[in-house]
Amino acid sequence: MGKAGKQRARERREQRRQEILELRKVPYTPADRWWSPDTVAAVTGSNRGIGYEIARQLAMHGLRVVVTSRDAGALRQEGLDVDYCQLDIVDESSVKAFANWILMKHGGLDILVNNAGVNFNKGSENSVEYASKVIDINYIGTKRMIQTMIPLMKPSTSGARILNIGSRLGRLGSRRNKLGDATLNEQLLRDDCLSESLIDHMVAEFLKQVGDGSWMSNGWPQIFTDYSVSKLAVNAYTRLMARTLSSRPEGHKIHINCYCPGWVKTSMTGWEGNISAEEGADTGVWTVLLPESPTGKFFAERREINF
């Protein structure tokens, strides 16, 4: 993309940013507010950045929010009434303890936002030194939370909601960052081929090649490689779980989607993003508060995008 193309892209982003800022000024009508002060929303990794903002905005909309971090003080200092529970999504015992706490404290959960994640690359860096940790937190940890919390999602006419933080860096159709293995790419795109074992095989093969040093020559994404692979897995798992959960009866529906916050100014990006955490959180909050929730979709900038 030349200078003119980049300039047009910047102009389009800014135009959409301004459109969303206007949309955010429009209050939810009573008819749109399917939730109540008893609606419980848990946000993982909500001590800072996007997770903090999602938790803050949901609390401002009047939901009962559970933050999972080492310190919930910042939100309370803003006068928001939130609950706190320690949670490490990599630790199975911690996830089980959290589930037990949710059940005892709130009788279950209406909304789960899987925000907790890591990226060790900054700027133009593309190291895979921490690939195993990135996969373990971003994909395996997210999957662990979904599997553990599904039995605790509360029945309702509006349906429970699960939102995963995905990324456009993990899009299978990306021209710049797609998988070099065309067969694997096609299998992951096709619903009749997609399975948990296929996704797990992909990340296992990636980690194996990281271990033996062959990953660079085997067509993995070239931008933030380990992070991109982890989010590709999250995106694919979201689609898989949407299909798995689709057979649940009315009143017990669970809608699961993912969204890309964009390039956000947080510690994860080294503060090099082009939007604030408040703006980055907006589409996530908008998605889980939709009156008629879709499922198995991917969103960015309050619009559906392709996987």
C-alpha atoms as a PDB file:
ATOM      1  CA  MET A   1       0.000   0.000   0.000  1.00  0.00           C
ATOM      2  CA  GLY A   2       1.468   3.348  -1.088  1.00  0.00           C
ATOM      3  CA  LYS A   3       1.306   6.664   0.696  1.00  0.00           C
ATOM      4  CA  ALA A   4      -1.993   7.576  -0.943  1.00  0.00           C
ATOM      5  CA  GLY A   5      -3.541   4.256   0.066  1.00  0.00           C
ATOM      6  CA  LYS A   6      -2.353   4.631   3.651  1.00  0.00           C
ATOM      7  CA  GLN A   7      -3.741   8.141   3.783  1.00  0.00           C
ATOM      8  CA  ARG A   8      -7.143   6.946   2.537  1.00  0.00           C
ATOM      9  CA  ALA A   9      -7.120   4.178   5.155  1.00  0.00           C
ATOM     10  CA  ARG A  10      -6.360   6.705   7.898  1.00  0.00           C
ATOM     11  CA  GLU A  11      -9.177   8.924   6.671  1.00  0.00           C
ATOM     12  CA  ARG A  12     -11.631   5.997   6.666  1.00  0.00           C
ATOM     13  CA  ARG A  13     -10.602   5.023  10.206  1.00  0.00           C
ATOM     14  CA  GLU A  14     -11.035   8.576  11.424  1.00  0.00           C
ATOM     15  CA  GLN A  15     -14.421   8.897   9.743  1.00  0.00           C
ATOM     16  CA  ARG A  16     -15.638   5.689  11.378  1.00  0.00           C
ATOM     17  CA  ARG A  17     -14.165   6.790  14.701  1.00  0.00           C
ATOM     18  CA  GLN A  18     -16.198   9.999  14.553  1.00  0.00           C
ATOM     19  CA  GLU A  19     -19.338   8.056  13.604  1.00  0.00           C
ATOM     20  CA  ILE A  20     -18.915   5.806  16.636  1.00  0.00           C
ATOM     21  CA  LEU A  21     -18.318   8.771  18.932  1.00  0.00           C
ATOM     22  CA  GLU A  22     -21.702  10.106  17.800  1.00  0.00           C
ATOM     23  CA  LEU A  23     -23.366   6.728  18.270  1.00  0.00           C
ATOM     24  CA  ARG A  24     -22.032   6.550  21.819  1.00  0.00           C
ATOM     25  CA  LYS A  25     -23.978   9.702  22.663  1.00  0.00           C
ATOM     26  CA  VAL A  26     -27.272   7.941  21.919  1.00  0.00           C
ATOM     27  CA  PRO A  27     -28.631   6.456  25.186  1.00  0.00           C
ATOM     28  CA  TYR A  28     -30.122   3.000  25.395  1.00  0.00           C
ATOM     29  CA  THR A  29     -33.916   3.179  25.414  1.00  0.00           C
ATOM     30  CA  PRO A  30     -35.917   1.303  28.048  1.00  0.00           C
ATOM     31  CA  ALA A  31     -36.953  -1.153  25.317  1.00  0.00           C
ATOM     32  CA  ASP A  32     -33.295  -1.837  24.479  1.00  0.00           C
ATOM     33  CA  ARG A  33     -32.234  -2.432  28.067  1.00  0.00           C
ATOM     34  CA  TRP A  34     -32.702  -6.171  28.386  1.00  0.00           C
ATOM     35  CA  TRP A  35     -30.461  -6.153  31.453  1.00  0.00           C
ATOM     36  CA  SER A  36     -31.071  -5.059  35.049  1.00  0.00           C
ATOM     37  CA  PRO A  37     -28.962  -4.304  38.151  1.00  0.00           C
ATOM     38  CA  ASP A  38     -29.089  -8.057  38.832  1.00  0.00           C
ATOM     39  CA  THR A  39     -27.449  -8.938  35.497  1.00  0.00           C
ATOM     40  CA  VAL A  40     -23.990 -10.264  36.338  1.00  0.00           C
ATOM     41  CA  ALA A  41     -21.058  -9.624  33.994  1.00  0.00           C
ATOM     42  CA  ALA A  42     -17.548 -10.933  34.681  1.00  0.00           C
ATOM     43  CA  VAL A  43     -14.552  -9.468  32.841  1.00  0.00           C
ATOM     44  CA  THR A  44     -11.232 -11.295  32.985  1.00  0.00           C
ATOM     45  CA  GLY A  45      -8.009  -9.289  33.134  1.00  0.00           C
ATOM     46  CA  SER A  46      -9.911  -6.150  34.115  1.00  0.00           C
ATOM     47  CA  ASN A  47      -7.258  -4.470  36.243  1.00  0.00           C
ATOM     48  CA  ARG A  48      -6.117  -2.222  33.387  1.00  0.00           C
ATOM     49  CA  GLY A  49      -6.400  -1.391  29.711  1.00  0.00           C
ATOM     50  CA  ILE A  50      -9.311  -2.634  27.638  1.00  0.00           C
ATOM     51  CA  GLY A  51     -10.596  -5.010  30.310  1.00  0.00           C
ATOM     52  CA  TYR A  52     -10.756  -2.191  32.843  1.00  0.00           C
ATOM     53  CA  GLU A  53     -12.681  -0.047  30.370  1.00  0.00           C
ATOM     54  CA  ILE A  54     -15.142  -2.802  29.493  1.00  0.00           C
ATOM     55  CA  ALA A  55     -15.802  -3.367  33.193  1.00  0.00           C
ATOM     56  CA  ARG A  56     -16.170   0.369  33.826  1.00  0.00           C
ATOM     57  CA  GLN A  57     -18.566   0.935  30.951  1.00  0.00           C
ATOM     58  CA  LEU A  58     -20.728  -2.066  31.840  1.00  0.00           C
ATOM     59  CA  ALA A  59     -20.917  -0.843  35.446  1.00  0.00           C
ATOM     60  CA  MET A  60     -21.913   2.622  34.230  1.00  0.00           C
ATOM     61  CA  HIS A  61     -24.751   1.017  32.268  1.00  0.00           C
ATOM     62  CA  GLY A  62     -26.062  -0.440  35.518  1.00  0.00           C
ATOM     63  CA  LEU A  63     -24.940  -4.067  35.424  1.00  0.00           C
ATOM     64  CA  ARG A  64     -23.466  -5.960  38.356  1.00  0.00           C
ATOM     65  CA  VAL A  65     -19.820  -6.259  37.287  1.00  0.00           C
ATOM     66  CA  VAL A  66     -17.229  -8.681  38.583  1.00  0.00           C
ATOM     67  CA  VAL A  67     -13.641  -7.592  37.995  1.00  0.00           C
ATOM     68  CA  THR A  68     -10.871 -10.163  38.146  1.00  0.00           C
ATOM     69  CA  SER A  69      -7.561  -8.618  39.058  1.00  0.00           C
ATOM     70  CA  ARG A  70      -5.258  -8.024  41.973  1.00  0.00           C
ATOM     71  CA  ASP A  71      -6.852  -4.662  42.800  1.00  0.00           C
ATOM     72  CA  ALA A  72     -10.399  -3.434  42.187  1.00  0.00           C
ATOM     73  CA  GLY A  73      -9.750  -0.124  43.919  1.00  0.00           C
ATOM     74  CA  ALA A  74      -9.581   2.058  40.815  1.00  0.00           C
ATOM     75  CA  LEU A  75     -13.148   1.314  39.737  1.00  0.00           C
ATOM     76  CA  ARG A  76     -14.425   1.788  43.265  1.00  0.00           C
ATOM     77  CA  GLN A  77     -12.685   5.146  43.469  1.00  0.00           C
ATOM     78  CA  GLU A  78     -14.865   6.223  40.536  1.00  0.00           C
ATOM     79  CA  GLY A  79     -17.904   5.449  42.639  1.00  0.00           C
ATOM     80  CA  LEU A  80     -18.826   2.323  40.726  1.00  0.00           C
ATOM     81  CA  ASP A  81     -20.227  -0.597  42.688  1.00  0.00           C
ATOM     82  CA  VAL A  82     -18.292  -3.650  41.512  1.00  0.00           C
ATOM     83  CA  ASP A  83     -17.346  -7.027  42.931  1.00  0.00           C
ATOM     84  CA  TYR A  84     -13.876  -8.501  42.892  1.00  0.00           C
ATOM     85  CA  CYS A  85     -12.515 -12.019  42.708  1.00  0.00           C
ATOM     86  CA  GLN A  86      -8.945 -13.114  42.144  1.00  0.00           C
ATOM     87  CA  LEU A  87      -8.526 -15.164  38.985  1.00  0.00           C
ATOM     88  CA  ASP A  88      -5.643 -16.683  37.033  1.00  0.00           C
ATOM     89  CA  ILE A  89      -7.049 -18.211  33.852  1.00  0.00           C
ATOM     90  CA  VAL A  90      -3.905 -20.328  33.356  1.00  0.00           C
ATOM     91  CA  ASP A  91      -4.413 -22.034  36.729  1.00  0.00           C
ATOM     92  CA  GLU A  92      -7.181 -24.635  36.575  1.00  0.00           C
ATOM     93  CA  SER A  93      -7.691 -24.557  40.339  1.00  0.00           C
ATOM     94  CA  SER A  94      -8.040 -20.759  40.255  1.00  0.00           C
ATOM     95  CA  VAL A  95     -10.672 -20.987  37.498  1.00  0.00           C
ATOM     96  CA  LYS A  96     -12.610 -23.606  39.477  1.00  0.00           C
ATOM     97  CA  ALA A  97     -12.413 -21.467  42.616  1.00  0.00           C
ATOM     98  CA  PHE A  98     -13.734 -18.513  40.628  1.00  0.00           C
ATOM     99  CA  ALA A  99     -16.626 -20.612  39.304  1.00  0.00           C
ATOM    100  CA  ASN A 100     -17.515 -21.712  42.827  1.00  0.00           C
ATOM    101  CA  TRP A 101     -17.391 -18.109  44.017  1.00  0.00           C
ATOM    102  CA  ILE A 102     -19.656 -16.919  41.179  1.00  0.00           C
ATOM    103  CA  LEU A 103     -22.150 -19.657  41.975  1.00  0.00           C
ATOM    104  CA  MET A 104     -22.208 -18.894  45.709  1.00  0.00           C
ATOM    105  CA  LYS A 105     -22.141 -15.087  45.352  1.00  0.00           C
ATOM    106  CA  HIS A 106     -24.420 -14.568  42.357  1.00  0.00           C
ATOM    107  CA  GLY A 107     -26.019 -17.902  41.536  1.00  0.00           C
ATOM    108  CA  GLY A 108     -24.410 -17.890  38.098  1.00  0.00           C
ATOM    109  CA  LEU A 109     -23.374 -15.539  35.333  1.00  0.00           C
ATOM    110  CA  ASP A 110     -25.159 -13.651  32.545  1.00  0.00           C
ATOM    111  CA  ILE A 111     -22.168 -12.236  30.662  1.00  0.00           C
ATOM    112  CA  LEU A 112     -18.586 -13.481  30.419  1.00  0.00           C
ATOM    113  CA  VAL A 113     -15.981 -11.278  28.730  1.00  0.00           C
ATOM    114  CA  ASN A 114     -12.745 -13.164  28.078  1.00  0.00           C
ATOM    115  CA  ASN A 115     -10.339 -10.258  27.933  1.00  0.00           C
ATOM    116  CA  ALA A 116      -7.251 -11.588  29.737  1.00  0.00           C
ATOM    117  CA  GLY A 117      -4.347 -11.895  27.316  1.00  0.00           C
ATOM    118  CA  VAL A 118      -0.709 -11.057  26.652  1.00  0.00           C
ATOM    119  CA  ASN A 119       1.550  -9.917  23.836  1.00  0.00           C
ATOM    120  CA  PHE A 120       5.285  -9.617  24.364  1.00  0.00           C
ATOM    121  CA  ASN A 121       6.095  -7.923  21.054  1.00  0.00           C
ATOM    122  CA  LYS A 122       6.249  -4.165  20.695  1.00  0.00           C
ATOM    123  CA  GLY A 123       6.504  -2.000  17.615  1.00  0.00           C
ATOM    124  CA  SER A 124       8.161  -3.899  14.777  1.00  0.00           C
ATOM    125  CA  GLU A 125       9.409  -6.731  17.016  1.00  0.00           C
ATOM    126  CA  ASN A 126       8.377 -10.274  16.125  1.00  0.00           C
ATOM    127  CA  SER A 127       9.960 -12.572  18.671  1.00  0.00           C
ATOM    128  CA  VAL A 128       8.406 -15.954  19.521  1.00  0.00           C
ATOM    129  CA  GLU A 129      10.454 -16.346  22.693  1.00  0.00           C
ATOM    130  CA  TYR A 130       7.296 -16.468  24.819  1.00  0.00           C
ATOM    131  CA  ALA A 131       5.103 -18.317  22.322  1.00  0.00           C
ATOM    132  CA  SER A 132       4.116 -21.080  24.731  1.00  0.00           C
ATOM    133  CA  LYS A 133       3.009 -18.578  27.365  1.00  0.00           C
ATOM    134  CA  VAL A 134       1.086 -16.526  24.806  1.00  0.00           C
ATOM    135  CA  ILE A 135      -0.809 -19.596  23.581  1.00  0.00           C
ATOM    136  CA  ASP A 136      -1.411 -20.818  27.132  1.00  0.00           C
ATOM    137  CA  ILE A 137      -2.972 -17.547  28.255  1.00  0.00           C
ATOM    138  CA  ASN A 138      -4.678 -16.224  25.141  1.00  0.00           C
ATOM    139  CA  TYR A 139      -6.116 -19.469  23.780  1.00  0.00           C
ATOM    140  CA  ILE A 140      -5.931 -22.267  26.357  1.00  0.00           C
ATOM    141  CA  GLY A 141      -6.919 -19.960  29.225  1.00  0.00           C
ATOM    142  CA  THR A 142      -9.842 -18.524  27.272  1.00  0.00           C
ATOM    143  CA  LYS A 143     -11.002 -22.006  26.338  1.00  0.00           C
ATOM    144  CA  ARG A 144     -10.721 -23.109  29.977  1.00  0.00           C
ATOM    145  CA  MET A 145     -12.911 -20.204  31.087  1.00  0.00           C
ATOM    146  CA  ILE A 146     -15.579 -20.958  28.485  1.00  0.00           C
ATOM    147  CA  GLN A 147     -15.746 -24.647  29.287  1.00  0.00           C
ATOM    148  CA  THR A 148     -15.859 -24.020  33.040  1.00  0.00           C
ATOM    149  CA  MET A 149     -18.415 -21.224  32.964  1.00  0.00           C
ATOM    150  CA  ILE A 150     -20.923 -22.591  30.444  1.00  0.00           C
ATOM    151  CA  PRO A 151     -22.728 -24.674  33.112  1.00  0.00           C
ATOM    152  CA  LEU A 152     -23.066 -21.528  35.242  1.00  0.00           C
ATOM    153  CA  MET A 153     -24.551 -19.260  32.575  1.00  0.00           C
ATOM    154  CA  LYS A 154     -28.000 -18.203  33.739  1.00  0.00           C
ATOM    155  CA  PRO A 155     -31.105 -19.045  31.715  1.00  0.00           C
ATOM    156  CA  SER A 156     -33.006 -16.037  30.362  1.00  0.00           C
ATOM    157  CA  THR A 157     -35.241 -14.970  27.505  1.00  0.00           C
ATOM    158  CA  SER A 158     -32.450 -12.706  26.188  1.00  0.00           C
ATOM    159  CA  GLY A 159     -29.826 -15.435  26.361  1.00  0.00           C
ATOM    160  CA  ALA A 160     -26.509 -15.438  28.194  1.00  0.00           C
ATOM    161  CA  ARG A 161     -23.554 -13.869  26.383  1.00  0.00           C
ATOM    162  CA  ILE A 162     -19.882 -14.781  26.018  1.00  0.00           C
ATOM    163  CA  LEU A 163     -17.504 -12.357  24.337  1.00  0.00           C
ATOM    164  CA  ASN A 164     -13.940 -13.248  23.398  1.00  0.00           C
ATOM    165  CA  ILE A 165     -11.278 -10.684  22.564  1.00  0.00           C
ATOM    166  CA  GLY A 166     -10.104 -11.710  19.121  1.00  0.00           C
ATOM    167  CA  SER A 167      -7.974  -9.778  16.669  1.00  0.00           C
ATOM    168  CA  ARG A 168      -7.916  -8.945  12.993  1.00  0.00           C
ATOM    169  CA  LEU A 169      -4.336 -10.246  13.134  1.00  0.00           C
ATOM    170  CA  GLY A 170      -5.900 -13.687  13.469  1.00  0.00           C
ATOM    171  CA  ARG A 171      -8.164 -13.489  10.419  1.00  0.00           C
ATOM    172  CA  LEU A 172      -7.922 -16.459   8.100  1.00  0.00           C
ATOM    173  CA  GLY A 173      -8.752 -14.311   5.095  1.00  0.00           C
ATOM    174  CA  SER A 174      -6.063 -11.726   5.777  1.00  0.00           C
ATOM    175  CA  ARG A 175      -3.804 -10.960   2.831  1.00  0.00           C
ATOM    176  CA  ARG A 176      -0.888  -9.817   4.953  1.00  0.00           C
ATOM    177  CA  ASN A 177      -1.069 -12.213   7.884  1.00  0.00           C
ATOM    178  CA  LYS A 178      -2.729 -15.446   6.748  1.00  0.00           C
ATOM    179  CA  LEU A 179      -1.493 -19.007   7.169  1.00  0.00           C
ATOM    180  CA  GLY A 180       0.913 -20.249   4.535  1.00  0.00           C
ATOM    181  CA  ASP A 181      -0.559 -23.755   4.792  1.00  0.00           C
ATOM    182  CA  ALA A 182      -3.446 -23.445   2.331  1.00  0.00           C
ATOM    183  CA  THR A 183      -4.976 -26.794   3.337  1.00  0.00           C
ATOM    184  CA  LEU A 184      -5.019 -25.903   7.027  1.00  0.00           C
ATOM    185  CA  ASN A 185      -6.370 -22.454   6.227  1.00  0.00           C
ATOM    186  CA  GLU A 186      -9.223 -23.991   4.218  1.00  0.00           C
ATOM    187  CA  GLN A 187     -10.019 -26.545   6.925  1.00  0.00           C
ATOM    188  CA  LEU A 188     -10.217 -23.833   9.578  1.00  0.00           C
ATOM    189  CA  LEU A 189     -12.527 -21.755   7.373  1.00  0.00           C
ATOM    190  CA  ARG A 190     -14.953 -24.611   6.671  1.00  0.00           C
ATOM    191  CA  ASP A 191     -17.538 -25.266   9.378  1.00  0.00           C
ATOM    192  CA  ASP A 192     -17.776 -28.926   8.363  1.00  0.00           C
ATOM    193  CA  CYS A 193     -14.044 -29.355   9.066  1.00  0.00           C
ATOM    194  CA  LEU A 194     -13.661 -27.109  12.091  1.00  0.00           C
ATOM    195  CA  SER A 195     -13.158 -28.946  15.380  1.00  0.00           C
ATOM    196  CA  GLU A 196     -11.418 -28.454  18.699  1.00  0.00           C
ATOM    197  CA  SER A 197      -8.872 -31.103  17.762  1.00  0.00           C
ATOM    198  CA  LEU A 198      -8.073 -29.232  14.525  1.00  0.00           C
ATOM    199  CA  ILE A 199      -7.522 -25.950  16.380  1.00  0.00           C
ATOM    200  CA  ASP A 200      -5.446 -27.675  19.057  1.00  0.00           C
ATOM    201  CA  HIS A 201      -3.416 -29.436  16.364  1.00  0.00           C
ATOM    202  CA  MET A 202      -2.687 -26.103  14.715  1.00  0.00           C
ATOM    203  CA  VAL A 203      -1.349 -24.473  17.896  1.00  0.00           C
ATOM    204  CA  ALA A 204       0.561 -27.626  18.857  1.00  0.00           C
ATOM    205  CA  GLU A 205       2.217 -27.732  15.434  1.00  0.00           C
ATOM    206  CA  PHE A 206       3.106 -24.070  15.716  1.00  0.00           C
ATOM    207  CA  LEU A 207       4.704 -24.556  19.143  1.00  0.00           C
ATOM    208  CA  LYS A 208       6.564 -27.615  17.883  1.00  0.00           C
ATOM    209  CA  GLN A 209       8.033 -25.589  15.022  1.00  0.00           C
ATOM    210  CA  VAL A 210       8.926 -22.765  17.397  1.00  0.00           C
ATOM    211  CA  GLY A 211      10.789 -25.349  19.446  1.00  0.00           C
ATOM    212  CA  ASP A 212      12.787 -26.735  16.528  1.00  0.00           C
ATOM    213  CA  GLY A 213      13.289 -23.357  14.844  1.00  0.00           C
ATOM    214  CA  SER A 214      11.400 -24.175  11.641  1.00  0.00           C
ATOM    215  CA  TRP A 215       8.451 -21.796  12.146  1.00  0.00           C
ATOM    216  CA  MET A 216       9.845 -18.975  10.003  1.00  0.00           C
ATOM    217  CA  SER A 217       9.939 -21.094   6.856  1.00  0.00           C
ATOM    218  CA  ASN A 218       6.521 -22.687   7.280  1.00  0.00           C
ATOM    219  CA  GLY A 219       4.159 -19.841   6.496  1.00  0.00           C
ATOM    220  CA  TRP A 220       2.911 -18.669   9.875  1.00  0.00           C
ATOM    221  CA  PRO A 221       1.652 -15.085  10.204  1.00  0.00           C
ATOM    222  CA  GLN A 222       4.495 -12.611   9.893  1.00  0.00           C
ATOM    223  CA  ILE A 223       3.180  -9.892  12.222  1.00  0.00           C
ATOM    224  CA  PHE A 224       3.307 -10.584  15.977  1.00  0.00           C
ATOM    225  CA  THR A 225       3.380 -14.262  15.033  1.00  0.00           C
ATOM    226  CA  ASP A 226       2.644 -15.929  18.384  1.00  0.00           C
ATOM    227  CA  TYR A 227      -0.058 -13.409  19.280  1.00  0.00           C
ATOM    228  CA  SER A 228      -1.634 -13.737  15.830  1.00  0.00           C
ATOM    229  CA  VAL A 229      -1.722 -17.546  16.052  1.00  0.00           C
ATOM    230  CA  SER A 230      -3.265 -17.382  19.528  1.00  0.00           C
ATOM    231  CA  LYS A 231      -5.995 -15.029  18.314  1.00  0.00           C
ATOM    232  CA  LEU A 232      -6.573 -17.099  15.189  1.00  0.00           C
ATOM    233  CA  ALA A 233      -7.277 -19.978  17.573  1.00  0.00           C
ATOM    234  CA  VAL A 234      -9.618 -17.825  19.690  1.00  0.00           C
ATOM    235  CA  ASN A 235     -11.508 -16.648  16.610  1.00  0.00           C
ATOM    236  CA  ALA A 236     -11.891 -20.225  15.348  1.00  0.00           C
ATOM    237  CA  TYR A 237     -12.931 -21.541  18.755  1.00  0.00           C
ATOM    238  CA  THR A 238     -15.608 -18.843  18.949  1.00  0.00           C
ATOM    239  CA  ARG A 239     -17.127 -20.121  15.710  1.00  0.00           C
ATOM    240  CA  LEU A 240     -16.914 -23.705  16.908  1.00  0.00           C
ATOM    241  CA  MET A 241     -18.608 -22.971  20.228  1.00  0.00           C
ATOM    242  CA  ALA A 242     -21.360 -20.987  18.514  1.00  0.00           C
ATOM    243  CA  ARG A 243     -22.176 -24.103  16.515  1.00  0.00           C
ATOM    244  CA  THR A 244     -21.894 -26.347  19.586  1.00  0.00           C
ATOM    245  CA  LEU A 245     -24.191 -24.138  21.681  1.00  0.00           C
ATOM    246  CA  SER A 246     -26.756 -23.523  18.935  1.00  0.00           C
ATOM    247  CA  SER A 247     -28.852 -26.540  19.880  1.00  0.00           C
ATOM    248  CA  ARG A 248     -29.652 -25.269  23.367  1.00  0.00           C
ATOM    249  CA  PRO A 249     -33.413 -24.706  23.910  1.00  0.00           C
ATOM    250  CA  GLU A 250     -35.054 -21.291  24.111  1.00  0.00           C
ATOM    251  CA  GLY A 251     -34.555 -19.719  27.503  1.00  0.00           C
ATOM    252  CA  HIS A 252     -31.168 -21.435  27.821  1.00  0.00           C
ATOM    253  CA  LYS A 253     -29.408 -19.928  24.810  1.00  0.00           C
ATOM    254  CA  ILE A 254     -25.785 -18.830  25.080  1.00  0.00           C
ATOM    255  CA  HIS A 255     -24.638 -16.371  22.422  1.00  0.00           C
ATOM    256  CA  ILE A 256     -20.897 -16.309  21.825  1.00  0.00           C
ATOM    257  CA  ASN A 257     -19.038 -13.789  19.694  1.00  0.00           C
ATOM    258  CA  CYS A 258     -15.617 -12.183  19.409  1.00  0.00           C
ATOM    259  CA  TYR A 259     -14.402  -8.706  18.609  1.00  0.00           C
ATOM    260  CA  CYS A 260     -11.253  -6.828  17.722  1.00  0.00           C
ATOM    261  CA  PRO A 261     -10.679  -3.695  19.832  1.00  0.00           C
ATOM    262  CA  GLY A 262      -8.294  -2.229  17.278  1.00  0.00           C
ATOM    263  CA  TRP A 263      -4.799  -0.845  17.828  1.00  0.00           C
ATOM    264  CA  VAL A 264      -5.295   0.584  21.314  1.00  0.00           C
ATOM    265  CA  LYS A 265      -3.011   2.741  23.434  1.00  0.00           C
ATOM    266  CA  THR A 266      -2.311   0.351  26.306  1.00  0.00           C
ATOM    267  CA  SER A 267       0.720  -1.188  27.964  1.00  0.00           C
ATOM    268  CA  MET A 268       0.293  -4.233  25.693  1.00  0.00           C
ATOM    269  CA  THR A 269       1.026  -2.109  22.624  1.00  0.00           C
ATOM    270  CA  GLY A 270       3.664  -0.009  24.339  1.00  0.00           C
ATOM    271  CA  TRP A 271       1.142   2.876  24.184  1.00  0.00           C
ATOM    272  CA  GLU A 272       1.613   3.015  20.400  1.00  0.00           C
ATOM    273  CA  GLY A 273      -2.022   2.528  19.409  1.00  0.00           C
ATOM    274  CA  ASN A 274      -4.209   4.961  17.512  1.00  0.00           C
ATOM    275  CA  ILE A 275      -7.263   4.942  19.811  1.00  0.00           C
ATOM    276  CA  SER A 276      -7.817   5.107  23.559  1.00  0.00           C
ATOM    277  CA  ALA A 277      -8.752   2.144  25.747  1.00  0.00           C
ATOM    278  CA  GLU A 278     -12.161   3.758  26.232  1.00  0.00           C
ATOM    279  CA  GLU A 279     -12.755   3.700  22.478  1.00  0.00           C
ATOM    280  CA  GLY A 280     -11.279   0.214  22.124  1.00  0.00           C
ATOM    281  CA  ALA A 281     -13.686  -1.156  24.715  1.00  0.00           C
ATOM    282  CA  ASP A 282     -16.752   0.357  23.054  1.00  0.00           C
ATOM    283  CA  THR A 283     -17.493  -2.355  20.488  1.00  0.00           C
ATOM    284  CA  GLY A 284     -17.135  -5.068  23.126  1.00  0.00           C
ATOM    285  CA  VAL A 285     -19.670  -3.362  25.390  1.00  0.00           C
ATOM    286  CA  TRP A 286     -21.965  -2.677  22.427  1.00  0.00           C
ATOM    287  CA  THR A 287     -21.808  -6.338  21.379  1.00  0.00           C
ATOM    288  CA  VAL A 288     -22.774  -7.865  24.726  1.00  0.00           C
ATOM    289  CA  LEU A 289     -25.556  -5.314  25.236  1.00  0.00           C
ATOM    290  CA  LEU A 290     -27.249  -5.841  21.853  1.00  0.00           C
ATOM    291  CA  PRO A 291     -30.976  -6.429  22.479  1.00  0.00           C
ATOM    292  CA  GLU A 292     -31.071  -9.255  19.927  1.00  0.00           C
ATOM    293  CA  SER A 293     -27.715 -10.939  20.288  1.00  0.00           C
ATOM    294  CA  PRO A 294     -26.190 -12.698  17.282  1.00  0.00           C
ATOM    295  CA  THR A 295     -23.853 -15.640  17.779  1.00  0.00           C
ATOM    296  CA  GLY A 296     -20.690 -16.873  16.100  1.00  0.00           C
ATOM    297  CA  LYS A 297     -19.907 -13.412  14.713  1.00  0.00           C
ATOM    298  CA  PHE A 298     -16.787 -11.248  14.628  1.00  0.00           C
ATOM    299  CA  PHE A 299     -17.071  -7.505  15.231  1.00  0.00           C
ATOM    300  CA  ALA A 300     -14.889  -4.415  14.962  1.00  0.00           C
ATOM    301  CA  GLU A 301     -15.885  -0.760  15.111  1.00  0.00           C
ATOM    302  CA  ARG A 302     -19.523  -1.727  15.770  1.00  0.00           C
ATOM    303  CA  ARG A 303     -19.679  -3.696  12.527  1.00  0.00           C
ATOM    304  CA  GLU A 304     -19.529  -7.371  11.634  1.00  0.00           C
ATOM    305  CA  ILE A 305     -16.327  -8.367   9.853  1.00  0.00           C
ATOM    306  CA  ASN A 306     -15.138 -11.599   8.239  1.00  0.00           C
ATOM    307  CA  PHE A 307     -13.161 -14.258  10.077  1.00  0.00           C
END
